Amino acid sequence: MKNLLVLFILFSGVKFFAQENTLHSNPKEDIQITGETVPVYKGCENNTSNKDLKQCMSNEISRHFQRNFRTSRPPISKLKKGTYTIKVIFKIDKEGKITSERAKAKTSDLEKEALRVVALIPQMVPGKRNGKPTVVPYFVPINIQIGGN
């Protein structure tokens, strides 16, 4: 039987950037800049604080990658057993659409698969600054565990 491929996507956190005034999440306290809100992922609409919206976004992006990233198809299925990191960067534009997506990984096949999955992320409610839609860049580190018995 072929090696069983296991996919673990571990998000060490979705990083939120907003042009000049960056939104930070401090482990000791959440700093919220007045007049700024992060984009809202489908299903996260009931969250009211930026902290809750960020956590919901991280959870939903993680679920999205777990459901859609395919390790069972060649050439990814032929990679050596181990952990691979993919660094994904994209922007949520003023209309809530994914733009400027990029991925960096050990192999171009992992990059292509990550970009395919990013393209499947649904449109969101855009982030806002002073009540107006704004572009918000995201950085998502993804760890993929490939291996089997």
N, C-alpha and C. Protein backbone atom coordinates (compact mmCIF):
# COMPACT_ATOMS: atom_id res chain seq x y z
N MET A 1 0.85 -1.18 0.00
CA MET A 1 0.00 0.00 0.00
C MET A 1 0.89 1.24 0.00
N LYS A 2 0.49 2.22 -0.78
CA LYS A 2 1.27 3.47 -0.82
C LYS A 2 1.26 4.15 0.53
N ASN A 3 2.29 4.97 0.72
CA ASN A 3 2.38 5.71 1.99
C ASN A 3 1.11 6.52 2.22
N LEU A 4 0.67 6.49 3.43
CA LEU A 4 -0.47 7.30 3.84
C LEU A 4 0.01 8.72 4.06
N LEU A 5 -0.61 9.65 3.43
CA LEU A 5 -0.21 11.05 3.58
C LEU A 5 -1.11 11.72 4.60
N VAL A 6 -0.47 12.40 5.50
CA VAL A 6 -1.21 13.09 6.54
C VAL A 6 -0.96 14.57 6.40
N LEU A 7 -2.00 15.33 6.46
CA LEU A 7 -1.89 16.78 6.32
C LEU A 7 -2.23 17.44 7.64
N PHE A 8 -1.27 18.11 8.19
CA PHE A 8 -1.49 18.91 9.39
C PHE A 8 -1.19 20.34 9.01
N ILE A 9 -2.13 21.17 9.13
CA ILE A 9 -1.88 22.58 8.86
C ILE A 9 -1.90 23.29 10.18
N LEU A 10 -0.77 23.82 10.52
CA LEU A 10 -0.62 24.49 11.80
C LEU A 10 -0.39 25.96 11.53
N PHE A 11 -1.31 26.75 11.96
CA PHE A 11 -1.16 28.18 11.79
C PHE A 11 -0.57 28.74 13.06
N SER A 12 0.58 29.37 12.92
CA SER A 12 1.15 30.03 14.09
C SER A 12 0.53 31.41 14.22
N GLY A 13 -0.43 31.68 13.37
CA GLY A 13 -1.18 32.92 13.47
C GLY A 13 -1.26 33.63 12.15
N VAL A 14 -2.37 34.18 11.87
CA VAL A 14 -2.52 35.01 10.70
C VAL A 14 -2.07 36.40 11.11
N LYS A 15 -1.15 36.96 10.39
CA LYS A 15 -0.63 38.28 10.72
C LYS A 15 -1.44 39.32 9.94
N PHE A 16 -1.88 40.35 10.63
CA PHE A 16 -2.68 41.39 10.04
C PHE A 16 -1.84 42.65 9.89
N PHE A 17 -1.85 43.22 8.72
CA PHE A 17 -1.14 44.46 8.47
C PHE A 17 -2.11 45.45 7.85
N ALA A 18 -2.05 46.67 8.24
CA ALA A 18 -2.90 47.68 7.63
C ALA A 18 -2.06 48.91 7.35
N GLN A 19 -1.52 48.99 6.18
CA GLN A 19 -0.68 50.07 5.69
C GLN A 19 0.14 50.73 6.80
N GLU A 20 -0.04 52.02 7.09
CA GLU A 20 0.81 52.71 8.06
C GLU A 20 0.49 52.33 9.50
N ASN A 21 -0.75 52.28 9.88
CA ASN A 21 -1.14 51.94 11.25
C ASN A 21 -1.38 50.44 11.33
N THR A 22 -0.39 49.71 11.78
CA THR A 22 -0.48 48.26 11.83
C THR A 22 -1.28 47.82 13.04
N LEU A 23 -2.16 46.85 12.82
CA LEU A 23 -2.90 46.25 13.93
C LEU A 23 -2.01 45.17 14.52
N HIS A 24 -1.77 45.22 15.81
CA HIS A 24 -0.93 44.23 16.48
C HIS A 24 -1.77 43.45 17.47
N SER A 25 -1.40 42.23 17.69
CA SER A 25 -2.02 41.46 18.76
C SER A 25 -0.93 41.14 19.77
N ASN A 26 -1.03 41.74 20.94
CA ASN A 26 -0.07 41.56 22.01
C ASN A 26 -0.58 40.43 22.89
N PRO A 27 0.28 39.43 23.22
CA PRO A 27 -0.19 38.33 24.05
C PRO A 27 -0.77 38.78 25.39
N LYS A 28 -0.31 39.90 25.92
CA LYS A 28 -0.79 40.35 27.23
C LYS A 28 -2.06 41.17 27.13
N GLU A 29 -2.23 41.91 26.04
CA GLU A 29 -3.45 42.69 25.86
C GLU A 29 -3.66 42.97 24.39
N ASP A 30 -4.89 43.06 23.98
CA ASP A 30 -5.20 43.34 22.59
C ASP A 30 -5.23 44.84 22.38
N ILE A 31 -4.45 45.33 21.41
CA ILE A 31 -4.42 46.75 21.12
C ILE A 31 -5.31 46.98 19.90
N GLN A 32 -6.30 47.82 20.06
CA GLN A 32 -7.22 48.09 18.97
C GLN A 32 -7.10 49.57 18.60
N ILE A 33 -6.81 49.82 17.34
CA ILE A 33 -6.68 51.19 16.87
C ILE A 33 -8.07 51.69 16.50
N THR A 34 -8.47 52.80 17.07
CA THR A 34 -9.80 53.35 16.84
C THR A 34 -10.02 53.63 15.36
N GLY A 35 -11.17 53.25 14.87
CA GLY A 35 -11.52 53.52 13.48
C GLY A 35 -11.05 52.46 12.51
N GLU A 36 -10.40 51.39 12.98
CA GLU A 36 -9.93 50.34 12.09
C GLU A 36 -10.59 49.02 12.45
N THR A 37 -10.99 48.28 11.42
CA THR A 37 -11.50 46.93 11.62
C THR A 37 -10.86 46.02 10.58
N VAL A 38 -10.67 44.77 10.95
CA VAL A 38 -10.08 43.79 10.04
C VAL A 38 -11.15 43.26 9.10
N PRO A 39 -10.75 42.64 7.97
CA PRO A 39 -11.74 42.02 7.10
C PRO A 39 -12.51 40.93 7.84
N VAL A 40 -13.73 40.66 7.37
CA VAL A 40 -14.58 39.67 8.03
C VAL A 40 -14.79 38.49 7.10
N TYR A 41 -14.31 37.32 7.54
CA TYR A 41 -14.46 36.07 6.80
C TYR A 41 -15.90 35.59 6.91
N LYS A 42 -16.41 34.96 5.87
CA LYS A 42 -17.76 34.43 5.88
C LYS A 42 -17.95 33.51 7.08
N GLY A 43 -18.97 33.76 7.89
CA GLY A 43 -19.23 32.97 9.08
C GLY A 43 -18.73 33.64 10.36
N CYS A 44 -17.98 34.73 10.22
CA CYS A 44 -17.43 35.43 11.39
C CYS A 44 -18.19 36.72 11.69
N GLU A 45 -19.29 36.95 11.00
CA GLU A 45 -20.02 38.21 11.09
C GLU A 45 -20.52 38.55 12.50
N ASN A 46 -20.77 37.55 13.31
CA ASN A 46 -21.33 37.79 14.64
C ASN A 46 -20.31 38.23 15.68
N ASN A 47 -19.02 38.21 15.31
CA ASN A 47 -17.98 38.68 16.22
C ASN A 47 -17.96 40.20 16.20
N THR A 48 -17.78 40.80 17.37
CA THR A 48 -17.86 42.27 17.42
C THR A 48 -16.52 42.95 17.62
N SER A 49 -15.54 42.28 18.21
CA SER A 49 -14.24 42.93 18.44
C SER A 49 -13.23 42.48 17.39
N ASN A 50 -12.22 43.32 17.16
CA ASN A 50 -11.16 42.95 16.23
C ASN A 50 -10.45 41.68 16.70
N LYS A 51 -10.29 41.52 18.00
CA LYS A 51 -9.63 40.33 18.54
C LYS A 51 -10.41 39.08 18.14
N ASP A 52 -11.73 39.11 18.32
CA ASP A 52 -12.56 37.96 17.97
C ASP A 52 -12.59 37.74 16.46
N LEU A 53 -12.62 38.83 15.69
CA LEU A 53 -12.61 38.71 14.23
C LEU A 53 -11.30 38.09 13.75
N LYS A 54 -10.17 38.50 14.34
CA LYS A 54 -8.87 37.93 13.96
C LYS A 54 -8.82 36.44 14.28
N GLN A 55 -9.31 36.06 15.45
CA GLN A 55 -9.30 34.64 15.84
C GLN A 55 -10.20 33.82 14.92
N CYS A 56 -11.37 34.35 14.63
CA CYS A 56 -12.30 33.65 13.73
C CYS A 56 -11.68 33.50 12.34
N MET A 57 -11.04 34.56 11.84
CA MET A 57 -10.38 34.53 10.54
C MET A 57 -9.30 33.45 10.52
N SER A 58 -8.48 33.41 11.56
CA SER A 58 -7.42 32.40 11.64
C SER A 58 -8.01 30.99 11.62
N ASN A 59 -9.06 30.77 12.40
CA ASN A 59 -9.71 29.46 12.45
C ASN A 59 -10.29 29.06 11.10
N GLU A 60 -10.96 30.01 10.44
CA GLU A 60 -11.60 29.71 9.16
C GLU A 60 -10.58 29.48 8.05
N ILE A 61 -9.50 30.25 8.03
CA ILE A 61 -8.45 30.04 7.03
C ILE A 61 -7.81 28.67 7.25
N SER A 62 -7.59 28.30 8.50
CA SER A 62 -7.03 26.99 8.82
C SER A 62 -7.95 25.88 8.30
N ARG A 63 -9.23 25.98 8.60
CA ARG A 63 -10.20 24.98 8.12
C ARG A 63 -10.22 24.92 6.60
N HIS A 64 -10.15 26.09 5.99
CA HIS A 64 -10.16 26.16 4.52
C HIS A 64 -8.99 25.37 3.93
N PHE A 65 -7.79 25.57 4.48
CA PHE A 65 -6.63 24.85 3.97
C PHE A 65 -6.73 23.35 4.28
N GLN A 66 -7.21 23.00 5.45
CA GLN A 66 -7.36 21.58 5.80
C GLN A 66 -8.29 20.86 4.84
N ARG A 67 -9.36 21.53 4.45
CA ARG A 67 -10.36 20.93 3.55
C ARG A 67 -9.88 20.86 2.10
N ASN A 68 -9.07 21.84 1.68
CA ASN A 68 -8.79 21.99 0.26
C ASN A 68 -7.38 21.64 -0.21
N PHE A 69 -6.40 21.59 0.69
CA PHE A 69 -5.02 21.30 0.29
C PHE A 69 -4.89 19.81 -0.02
N ARG A 70 -4.42 19.49 -1.21
CA ARG A 70 -4.35 18.10 -1.66
C ARG A 70 -2.91 17.58 -1.61
N THR A 71 -2.65 16.67 -0.71
CA THR A 71 -1.33 16.05 -0.64
C THR A 71 -1.32 14.69 -1.34
N SER A 72 -2.48 14.18 -1.70
CA SER A 72 -2.58 12.83 -2.26
C SER A 72 -2.27 12.77 -3.75
N ARG A 73 -2.13 13.91 -4.40
CA ARG A 73 -1.89 13.92 -5.84
C ARG A 73 -0.42 14.20 -6.13
N PRO A 74 0.14 13.46 -7.11
CA PRO A 74 1.52 13.76 -7.51
C PRO A 74 1.58 15.18 -8.05
N PRO A 75 2.67 15.83 -7.94
CA PRO A 75 3.97 15.44 -7.42
C PRO A 75 4.12 15.62 -5.91
N ILE A 76 3.12 16.22 -5.24
CA ILE A 76 3.23 16.43 -3.79
C ILE A 76 3.28 15.08 -3.07
N SER A 77 2.53 14.11 -3.54
CA SER A 77 2.50 12.80 -2.89
C SER A 77 3.85 12.09 -2.97
N LYS A 78 4.73 12.53 -3.87
CA LYS A 78 6.04 11.90 -4.04
C LYS A 78 7.14 12.60 -3.24
N LEU A 79 6.78 13.63 -2.48
CA LEU A 79 7.79 14.31 -1.65
C LEU A 79 8.27 13.40 -0.53
N LYS A 80 9.49 13.63 -0.08
CA LYS A 80 10.02 12.86 1.04
C LYS A 80 9.18 13.14 2.29
N LYS A 81 9.14 12.14 3.16
CA LYS A 81 8.46 12.26 4.44
C LYS A 81 9.08 13.42 5.22
N GLY A 82 8.22 14.25 5.84
CA GLY A 82 8.73 15.34 6.65
C GLY A 82 7.75 16.50 6.74
N THR A 83 8.23 17.57 7.35
CA THR A 83 7.43 18.78 7.51
C THR A 83 7.91 19.82 6.51
N TYR A 84 6.99 20.43 5.82
CA TYR A 84 7.29 21.47 4.84
C TYR A 84 6.55 22.75 5.24
N THR A 85 7.24 23.86 5.14
CA THR A 85 6.63 25.14 5.46
C THR A 85 6.36 25.91 4.18
N ILE A 86 5.18 26.48 4.10
CA ILE A 86 4.80 27.32 2.97
C ILE A 86 4.43 28.67 3.55
N LYS A 87 5.06 29.72 3.05
CA LYS A 87 4.75 31.07 3.49
C LYS A 87 3.85 31.70 2.43
N VAL A 88 2.64 32.03 2.84
CA VAL A 88 1.64 32.57 1.91
C VAL A 88 1.36 34.03 2.28
N ILE A 89 1.37 34.88 1.26
CA ILE A 89 1.06 36.30 1.43
C ILE A 89 -0.03 36.65 0.42
N PHE A 90 -1.03 37.36 0.89
CA PHE A 90 -2.08 37.85 -0.01
C PHE A 90 -2.68 39.11 0.58
N LYS A 91 -3.51 39.78 -0.21
CA LYS A 91 -4.19 40.98 0.25
C LYS A 91 -5.69 40.80 0.10
N ILE A 92 -6.41 41.43 1.02
CA ILE A 92 -7.86 41.55 0.88
C ILE A 92 -8.08 42.97 0.39
N ASP A 93 -8.63 43.13 -0.81
CA ASP A 93 -8.77 44.47 -1.38
C ASP A 93 -9.99 45.20 -0.84
N LYS A 94 -10.25 46.38 -1.36
CA LYS A 94 -11.35 47.23 -0.88
C LYS A 94 -12.73 46.64 -1.14
N GLU A 95 -12.80 45.63 -2.01
CA GLU A 95 -14.07 44.95 -2.28
C GLU A 95 -14.16 43.63 -1.51
N GLY A 96 -13.10 43.27 -0.77
CA GLY A 96 -13.10 42.03 0.00
C GLY A 96 -12.61 40.82 -0.78
N LYS A 97 -11.98 41.06 -1.94
CA LYS A 97 -11.47 39.97 -2.77
C LYS A 97 -9.99 39.74 -2.50
N ILE A 98 -9.56 38.49 -2.70
CA ILE A 98 -8.15 38.11 -2.55
C ILE A 98 -7.38 38.61 -3.78
N THR A 99 -6.26 39.31 -3.52
CA THR A 99 -5.41 39.79 -4.61
C THR A 99 -3.95 39.60 -4.21
N SER A 100 -3.06 39.78 -5.16
CA SER A 100 -1.60 39.79 -4.95
C SER A 100 -1.11 38.59 -4.15
N GLU A 101 -1.66 37.41 -4.44
CA GLU A 101 -1.28 36.22 -3.72
C GLU A 101 0.11 35.73 -4.17
N ARG A 102 0.93 35.35 -3.17
CA ARG A 102 2.26 34.80 -3.40
C ARG A 102 2.50 33.69 -2.40
N ALA A 103 3.34 32.73 -2.79
CA ALA A 103 3.69 31.64 -1.88
C ALA A 103 5.17 31.33 -2.05
N LYS A 104 5.80 30.95 -0.96
CA LYS A 104 7.21 30.58 -0.96
C LYS A 104 7.34 29.26 -0.21
N ALA A 105 7.91 28.25 -0.88
CA ALA A 105 8.09 26.93 -0.28
C ALA A 105 9.32 26.27 -0.88
N LYS A 106 9.65 25.11 -0.35
CA LYS A 106 10.82 24.37 -0.81
C LYS A 106 10.66 23.91 -2.25
N THR A 107 9.43 23.62 -2.66
CA THR A 107 9.19 23.18 -4.04
C THR A 107 8.10 24.04 -4.68
N SER A 108 8.20 24.18 -5.98
CA SER A 108 7.20 24.97 -6.71
C SER A 108 5.83 24.27 -6.68
N ASP A 109 5.82 22.95 -6.54
CA ASP A 109 4.56 22.22 -6.47
C ASP A 109 3.77 22.58 -5.22
N LEU A 110 4.46 22.73 -4.09
CA LEU A 110 3.80 23.17 -2.86
C LEU A 110 3.29 24.60 -3.02
N GLU A 111 4.08 25.46 -3.66
CA GLU A 111 3.66 26.84 -3.89
C GLU A 111 2.40 26.89 -4.75
N LYS A 112 2.39 26.11 -5.84
CA LYS A 112 1.23 26.09 -6.74
C LYS A 112 -0.03 25.62 -6.02
N GLU A 113 0.12 24.58 -5.21
CA GLU A 113 -1.05 24.06 -4.48
C GLU A 113 -1.55 25.07 -3.46
N ALA A 114 -0.64 25.74 -2.77
CA ALA A 114 -1.05 26.76 -1.79
C ALA A 114 -1.77 27.90 -2.51
N LEU A 115 -1.28 28.32 -3.66
CA LEU A 115 -1.93 29.41 -4.41
C LEU A 115 -3.30 28.96 -4.94
N ARG A 116 -3.42 27.70 -5.32
CA ARG A 116 -4.72 27.18 -5.76
C ARG A 116 -5.73 27.27 -4.62
N VAL A 117 -5.30 26.91 -3.41
CA VAL A 117 -6.19 26.95 -2.25
C VAL A 117 -6.53 28.39 -1.87
N VAL A 118 -5.56 29.29 -1.95
CA VAL A 118 -5.82 30.71 -1.66
C VAL A 118 -6.87 31.26 -2.62
N ALA A 119 -6.80 30.85 -3.89
CA ALA A 119 -7.76 31.34 -4.89
C ALA A 119 -9.19 30.90 -4.56
N LEU A 120 -9.34 29.87 -3.73
CA LEU A 120 -10.66 29.37 -3.36
C LEU A 120 -11.25 30.07 -2.13
N ILE A 121 -10.46 30.94 -1.48
CA ILE A 121 -10.97 31.66 -0.31
C ILE A 121 -12.13 32.55 -0.75
N PRO A 122 -13.26 32.49 -0.04
CA PRO A 122 -14.42 33.28 -0.46
C PRO A 122 -14.20 34.78 -0.24
N GLN A 123 -14.98 35.56 -0.98
CA GLN A 123 -14.94 37.02 -0.81
C GLN A 123 -15.37 37.36 0.61
N MET A 124 -14.76 38.42 1.16
CA MET A 124 -15.03 38.83 2.54
C MET A 124 -15.57 40.24 2.58
N VAL A 125 -16.00 40.64 3.77
CA VAL A 125 -16.30 42.05 4.02
C VAL A 125 -14.93 42.71 4.19
N PRO A 126 -14.63 43.77 3.43
CA PRO A 126 -13.28 44.36 3.51
C PRO A 126 -12.98 44.99 4.87
N GLY A 127 -11.69 45.11 5.16
CA GLY A 127 -11.26 45.83 6.35
C GLY A 127 -11.56 47.30 6.17
N LYS A 128 -11.64 48.03 7.28
CA LYS A 128 -11.96 49.46 7.19
C LYS A 128 -11.00 50.29 8.02
N ARG A 129 -10.75 51.49 7.54
CA ARG A 129 -9.98 52.49 8.28
C ARG A 129 -10.81 53.77 8.22
N ASN A 130 -11.11 54.30 9.40
CA ASN A 130 -11.94 55.50 9.50
C ASN A 130 -13.26 55.34 8.74
N GLY A 131 -13.82 54.13 8.81
CA GLY A 131 -15.12 53.86 8.20
C GLY A 131 -15.09 53.60 6.71
N LYS A 132 -13.92 53.66 6.07
CA LYS A 132 -13.82 53.44 4.63
C LYS A 132 -13.06 52.14 4.35
N PRO A 133 -13.50 51.39 3.33
CA PRO A 133 -12.79 50.14 2.99
C PRO A 133 -11.32 50.42 2.68
N THR A 134 -10.46 49.48 3.10
CA THR A 134 -9.03 49.61 2.87
C THR A 134 -8.44 48.26 2.50
N VAL A 135 -7.29 48.26 1.87
CA VAL A 135 -6.57 47.03 1.52
C VAL A 135 -5.81 46.55 2.76
N VAL A 136 -5.91 45.26 3.04
CA VAL A 136 -5.23 44.69 4.21
C VAL A 136 -4.40 43.48 3.76
N PRO A 137 -3.07 43.55 3.89
CA PRO A 137 -2.21 42.40 3.56
C PRO A 137 -2.22 41.36 4.68
N TYR A 138 -2.05 40.09 4.32
CA TYR A 138 -2.00 38.98 5.28
C TYR A 138 -0.77 38.12 5.01
N PHE A 139 -0.21 37.58 6.06
CA PHE A 139 0.88 36.61 5.99
C PHE A 139 0.40 35.37 6.74
N VAL A 140 0.45 34.22 6.08
CA VAL A 140 -0.02 32.98 6.69
C VAL A 140 1.07 31.91 6.55
N PRO A 141 1.72 31.51 7.65
CA PRO A 141 2.66 30.39 7.56
C PRO A 141 1.90 29.07 7.69
N ILE A 142 2.17 28.15 6.78
CA ILE A 142 1.49 26.86 6.77
C ILE A 142 2.53 25.77 6.91
N ASN A 143 2.33 24.86 7.85
CA ASN A 143 3.21 23.71 8.01
C ASN A 143 2.46 22.47 7.55
N ILE A 144 3.04 21.75 6.60
CA ILE A 144 2.44 20.54 6.06
C ILE A 144 3.30 19.36 6.50
N GLN A 145 2.68 18.38 7.12
CA GLN A 145 3.38 17.16 7.52
C GLN A 145 3.04 16.08 6.51
N ILE A 146 4.03 15.56 5.82
CA ILE A 146 3.84 14.49 4.85
C ILE A 146 4.58 13.27 5.35
N GLY A 147 3.90 12.17 5.38
CA GLY A 147 4.53 10.93 5.86
C GLY A 147 3.53 9.83 5.94
N GLY A 148 3.96 8.68 6.39
CA GLY A 148 3.02 7.57 6.51
C GLY A 148 3.68 6.31 6.97
N ASN A 149 2.87 5.27 7.03
CA ASN A 149 3.35 3.96 7.48
C ASN A 149 3.56 3.04 6.30
